[in-house]
Amino acid sequence: MTGANIFAFDGFRPVIHESAFIHPNATVTGNVIIGRDVYVGPGAAIRG
């Protein structure tokens, strides 16, 4: 998950399981929960 774009928004910070993989070119923002063994690929934008 190193180098991934992970941002807090409106007081919420994403919760990401330690086994998940977030591609460095993906963005995860706000009230989001990424579960066990989840893969977030390049160019993905997840906002909550």
N, C-alpha and C. Protein backbone atom coordinates (compact mmCIF):
# COMPACT_ATOMS: atom_id res chain seq x y z
N MET A 1 0.82 -1.19 0.00
CA MET A 1 0.00 0.00 0.00
C MET A 1 0.86 1.26 0.00
N THR A 2 2.12 1.14 0.13
CA THR A 2 3.01 2.30 0.16
C THR A 2 2.87 3.13 -1.10
N GLY A 3 2.78 4.44 -0.95
CA GLY A 3 2.69 5.33 -2.09
C GLY A 3 1.28 5.58 -2.59
N ALA A 4 0.30 4.91 -1.99
CA ALA A 4 -1.09 5.09 -2.42
C ALA A 4 -1.59 6.47 -1.99
N ASN A 5 -2.55 6.99 -2.73
CA ASN A 5 -3.17 8.28 -2.42
C ASN A 5 -4.37 8.03 -1.52
N ILE A 6 -4.18 8.21 -0.23
CA ILE A 6 -5.23 7.97 0.76
C ILE A 6 -5.45 9.27 1.52
N PHE A 7 -6.69 9.77 1.50
CA PHE A 7 -6.98 11.09 2.05
C PHE A 7 -8.20 11.07 2.97
N ALA A 8 -8.13 11.87 4.02
CA ALA A 8 -9.29 12.12 4.86
C ALA A 8 -10.18 13.14 4.14
N PHE A 9 -11.49 13.07 4.42
CA PHE A 9 -12.42 14.06 3.88
C PHE A 9 -13.57 14.24 4.85
N ASP A 10 -13.88 15.48 5.14
CA ASP A 10 -15.01 15.82 6.01
C ASP A 10 -14.93 15.10 7.36
N GLY A 11 -13.70 14.95 7.87
CA GLY A 11 -13.50 14.33 9.17
C GLY A 11 -13.40 12.81 9.15
N PHE A 12 -13.53 12.20 7.98
CA PHE A 12 -13.45 10.74 7.86
C PHE A 12 -12.15 10.36 7.16
N ARG A 13 -11.52 9.30 7.67
CA ARG A 13 -10.31 8.76 7.06
C ARG A 13 -10.59 7.30 6.68
N PRO A 14 -10.15 6.88 5.49
CA PRO A 14 -10.38 5.49 5.09
C PRO A 14 -9.79 4.49 6.08
N VAL A 15 -10.48 3.37 6.24
CA VAL A 15 -9.98 2.26 7.05
C VAL A 15 -9.63 1.16 6.05
N ILE A 16 -8.36 0.74 6.07
CA ILE A 16 -7.88 -0.21 5.08
C ILE A 16 -7.24 -1.40 5.79
N HIS A 17 -7.75 -2.58 5.52
CA HIS A 17 -7.21 -3.79 6.14
C HIS A 17 -5.76 -3.97 5.71
N GLU A 18 -4.95 -4.48 6.61
CA GLU A 18 -3.52 -4.63 6.33
C GLU A 18 -3.21 -5.58 5.18
N SER A 19 -4.13 -6.49 4.84
CA SER A 19 -3.89 -7.42 3.74
C SER A 19 -4.36 -6.87 2.39
N ALA A 20 -5.04 -5.72 2.39
CA ALA A 20 -5.53 -5.14 1.14
C ALA A 20 -4.36 -4.53 0.35
N PHE A 21 -4.54 -4.48 -0.97
CA PHE A 21 -3.54 -3.84 -1.82
C PHE A 21 -4.20 -2.67 -2.53
N ILE A 22 -3.63 -1.48 -2.34
CA ILE A 22 -4.09 -0.27 -3.03
C ILE A 22 -2.97 0.13 -3.99
N HIS A 23 -3.26 0.12 -5.27
CA HIS A 23 -2.24 0.48 -6.26
C HIS A 23 -1.81 1.93 -6.04
N PRO A 24 -0.53 2.24 -6.25
CA PRO A 24 -0.05 3.62 -6.05
C PRO A 24 -0.75 4.66 -6.92
N ASN A 25 -1.37 4.24 -8.04
CA ASN A 25 -2.09 5.18 -8.89
C ASN A 25 -3.59 5.19 -8.62
N ALA A 26 -4.01 4.62 -7.51
CA ALA A 26 -5.42 4.65 -7.09
C ALA A 26 -5.59 5.70 -6.00
N THR A 27 -6.82 6.16 -5.80
CA THR A 27 -7.12 7.15 -4.76
C THR A 27 -8.27 6.65 -3.91
N VAL A 28 -8.09 6.72 -2.60
CA VAL A 28 -9.13 6.33 -1.64
C VAL A 28 -9.35 7.53 -0.72
N THR A 29 -10.59 8.01 -0.65
CA THR A 29 -10.89 9.25 0.07
C THR A 29 -12.12 9.11 0.94
N GLY A 30 -12.02 9.57 2.18
CA GLY A 30 -13.18 9.74 3.04
C GLY A 30 -13.66 8.50 3.78
N ASN A 31 -14.98 8.40 3.93
CA ASN A 31 -15.63 7.38 4.74
C ASN A 31 -15.72 6.06 3.96
N VAL A 32 -14.58 5.36 3.89
CA VAL A 32 -14.46 4.13 3.09
C VAL A 32 -13.84 3.05 3.96
N ILE A 33 -14.32 1.82 3.82
CA ILE A 33 -13.71 0.67 4.49
C ILE A 33 -13.29 -0.31 3.40
N ILE A 34 -11.99 -0.61 3.35
CA ILE A 34 -11.45 -1.59 2.41
C ILE A 34 -11.14 -2.84 3.22
N GLY A 35 -11.80 -3.94 2.88
CA GLY A 35 -11.70 -5.17 3.66
C GLY A 35 -10.50 -6.03 3.33
N ARG A 36 -10.50 -7.20 3.95
CA ARG A 36 -9.42 -8.16 3.83
C ARG A 36 -9.25 -8.67 2.40
N ASP A 37 -8.01 -8.71 1.95
CA ASP A 37 -7.63 -9.25 0.64
C ASP A 37 -8.25 -8.51 -0.55
N VAL A 38 -8.64 -7.27 -0.36
CA VAL A 38 -9.21 -6.47 -1.45
C VAL A 38 -8.08 -5.90 -2.31
N TYR A 39 -8.30 -5.87 -3.62
CA TYR A 39 -7.35 -5.28 -4.57
C TYR A 39 -8.02 -4.05 -5.18
N VAL A 40 -7.34 -2.90 -5.10
CA VAL A 40 -7.81 -1.68 -5.74
C VAL A 40 -6.79 -1.36 -6.82
N GLY A 41 -7.21 -1.44 -8.07
CA GLY A 41 -6.30 -1.33 -9.21
C GLY A 41 -5.96 0.09 -9.61
N PRO A 42 -5.04 0.22 -10.57
CA PRO A 42 -4.58 1.52 -11.02
C PRO A 42 -5.71 2.35 -11.62
N GLY A 43 -5.73 3.63 -11.26
CA GLY A 43 -6.73 4.55 -11.78
C GLY A 43 -8.05 4.54 -11.04
N ALA A 44 -8.22 3.62 -10.09
CA ALA A 44 -9.48 3.57 -9.33
C ALA A 44 -9.59 4.79 -8.41
N ALA A 45 -10.81 5.28 -8.25
CA ALA A 45 -11.09 6.37 -7.31
C ALA A 45 -12.27 5.93 -6.46
N ILE A 46 -12.03 5.75 -5.17
CA ILE A 46 -13.07 5.32 -4.24
C ILE A 46 -13.30 6.46 -3.26
N ARG A 47 -14.55 6.95 -3.21
CA ARG A 47 -14.88 8.08 -2.34
C ARG A 47 -16.08 7.73 -1.49
N GLY A 48 -16.01 8.14 -0.23
CA GLY A 48 -17.13 7.87 0.65
C GLY A 48 -17.47 9.05 1.50
